[in-house]
């Protein structure tokens, strides 16, 4: 069985202390990010704006997001 199209891990990042917005650090060659929320509900934005308690897309504890838009802009 061939796995030619299988995703290749490029890195790992753990963010903590999410009381302020933080950016992901993308490794070279990344074409998607798998994001899992484990510590508390968060909000995220991909338009350059800063998420707040009332703005941004919610990502709740236990949810997973596969982000595959244009990375690294």
C-alpha atoms as a PDB file:
ATOM      1  CA  UNK A   1       0.000   0.000   0.000  1.00  0.00           C
ATOM      2  CA  UNK A   2       1.366   3.401  -0.983  1.00  0.00           C
ATOM      3  CA  UNK A   3       1.048   6.529   1.131  1.00  0.00           C
ATOM      4  CA  UNK A   4       2.286   8.993  -1.492  1.00  0.00           C
ATOM      5  CA  UNK A   5      -0.469  11.490  -0.624  1.00  0.00           C
ATOM      6  CA  UNK A   6      -0.214  11.136   3.137  1.00  0.00           C
ATOM      7  CA  UNK A   7       0.375  14.372   5.087  1.00  0.00           C
ATOM      8  CA  UNK A   8       3.970  14.893   6.210  1.00  0.00           C
ATOM      9  CA  UNK A   9       4.474  16.437   9.665  1.00  0.00           C
ATOM     10  CA  UNK A  10       6.548  19.638   9.438  1.00  0.00           C
ATOM     11  CA  UNK A  11       6.522  20.833  13.024  1.00  0.00           C
ATOM     12  CA  UNK A  12       4.667  21.287  16.289  1.00  0.00           C
ATOM     13  CA  UNK A  13       3.667  24.300  18.330  1.00  0.00           C
ATOM     14  CA  UNK A  14       1.914  24.498  21.678  1.00  0.00           C
ATOM     15  CA  UNK A  15       0.381  27.810  22.712  1.00  0.00           C
ATOM     16  CA  UNK A  16      -0.406  28.512  26.366  1.00  0.00           C
ATOM     17  CA  UNK A  17      -1.533  31.562  28.299  1.00  0.00           C
ATOM     18  CA  UNK A  18      -4.214  32.427  25.779  1.00  0.00           C
ATOM     19  CA  UNK A  19      -5.491  35.547  27.519  1.00  0.00           C
ATOM     20  CA  UNK A  20      -3.912  37.537  24.662  1.00  0.00           C
ATOM     21  CA  UNK A  21      -3.870  36.812  20.926  1.00  0.00           C
ATOM     22  CA  UNK A  22      -0.900  34.788  19.659  1.00  0.00           C
ATOM     23  CA  UNK A  23       0.179  33.895  16.133  1.00  0.00           C
ATOM     24  CA  UNK A  24       1.106  30.465  14.857  1.00  0.00           C
ATOM     25  CA  UNK A  25       4.681  29.957  13.718  1.00  0.00           C
ATOM     26  CA  UNK A  26       4.548  27.993  10.488  1.00  0.00           C
ATOM     27  CA  UNK A  27       7.406  25.706   9.524  1.00  0.00           C
ATOM     28  CA  UNK A  28       8.834  25.910   5.985  1.00  0.00           C
ATOM     29  CA  UNK A  29       6.897  23.773   3.519  1.00  0.00           C
ATOM     30  CA  UNK A  30       3.678  23.694   5.533  1.00  0.00           C
ATOM     31  CA  UNK A  31       0.534  23.610   3.421  1.00  0.00           C
ATOM     32  CA  UNK A  32      -1.992  23.097   6.200  1.00  0.00           C
ATOM     33  CA  UNK A  33      -2.232  23.297   9.976  1.00  0.00           C
ATOM     34  CA  UNK A  34      -4.045  20.877  12.257  1.00  0.00           C
ATOM     35  CA  UNK A  35      -5.194  22.840  15.305  1.00  0.00           C
ATOM     36  CA  UNK A  36      -6.663  21.162  18.371  1.00  0.00           C
ATOM     37  CA  UNK A  37      -8.188  23.072  21.260  1.00  0.00           C
ATOM     38  CA  UNK A  38      -7.563  21.387  24.628  1.00  0.00           C
ATOM     39  CA  UNK A  39      -7.188  23.958  27.402  1.00  0.00           C
ATOM     40  CA  UNK A  40     -10.069  26.377  26.961  1.00  0.00           C
ATOM     41  CA  UNK A  41     -12.350  27.819  24.326  1.00  0.00           C
ATOM     42  CA  UNK A  42     -10.635  30.263  21.955  1.00  0.00           C
ATOM     43  CA  UNK A  43     -11.486  32.521  19.031  1.00  0.00           C
ATOM     44  CA  UNK A  44      -9.382  32.855  15.892  1.00  0.00           C
ATOM     45  CA  UNK A  45      -9.220  35.099  12.842  1.00  0.00           C
ATOM     46  CA  UNK A  46      -7.357  34.808   9.563  1.00  0.00           C
ATOM     47  CA  UNK A  47      -7.949  38.336   8.280  1.00  0.00           C
ATOM     48  CA  UNK A  48      -5.152  39.973  10.277  1.00  0.00           C
ATOM     49  CA  UNK A  49      -7.500  41.241  12.958  1.00  0.00           C
ATOM     50  CA  UNK A  50      -7.139  40.431  16.627  1.00  0.00           C
ATOM     51  CA  UNK A  51      -9.757  38.071  18.058  1.00  0.00           C
ATOM     52  CA  UNK A  52     -11.593  39.223  21.164  1.00  0.00           C
ATOM     53  CA  UNK A  53     -14.153  37.667  23.503  1.00  0.00           C
ATOM     54  CA  UNK A  54     -16.862  38.580  20.971  1.00  0.00           C
ATOM     55  CA  UNK A  55     -15.145  38.625  17.554  1.00  0.00           C
ATOM     56  CA  UNK A  56     -13.549  35.823  15.589  1.00  0.00           C
ATOM     57  CA  UNK A  57     -14.480  32.237  14.871  1.00  0.00           C
ATOM     58  CA  UNK A  58     -14.951  30.117  17.993  1.00  0.00           C
ATOM     59  CA  UNK A  59     -12.957  26.925  18.520  1.00  0.00           C
ATOM     60  CA  UNK A  60     -14.176  25.069  21.591  1.00  0.00           C
ATOM     61  CA  UNK A  61     -12.391  22.589  23.825  1.00  0.00           C
ATOM     62  CA  UNK A  62     -12.273  19.199  22.132  1.00  0.00           C
ATOM     63  CA  UNK A  63     -12.715  20.603  18.632  1.00  0.00           C
ATOM     64  CA  UNK A  64     -10.167  20.306  15.866  1.00  0.00           C
ATOM     65  CA  UNK A  65      -9.582  22.639  12.926  1.00  0.00           C
ATOM     66  CA  UNK A  66      -7.770  21.706   9.730  1.00  0.00           C
ATOM     67  CA  UNK A  67      -6.732  25.075   8.300  1.00  0.00           C
ATOM     68  CA  UNK A  68      -5.699  24.842   4.670  1.00  0.00           C
ATOM     69  CA  UNK A  69      -6.069  28.361   3.329  1.00  0.00           C
ATOM     70  CA  UNK A  70      -3.007  30.251   2.098  1.00  0.00           C
ATOM     71  CA  UNK A  71      -0.423  29.925   4.873  1.00  0.00           C
ATOM     72  CA  UNK A  72       2.328  32.353   5.712  1.00  0.00           C
ATOM     73  CA  UNK A  73       0.838  35.594   4.443  1.00  0.00           C
END
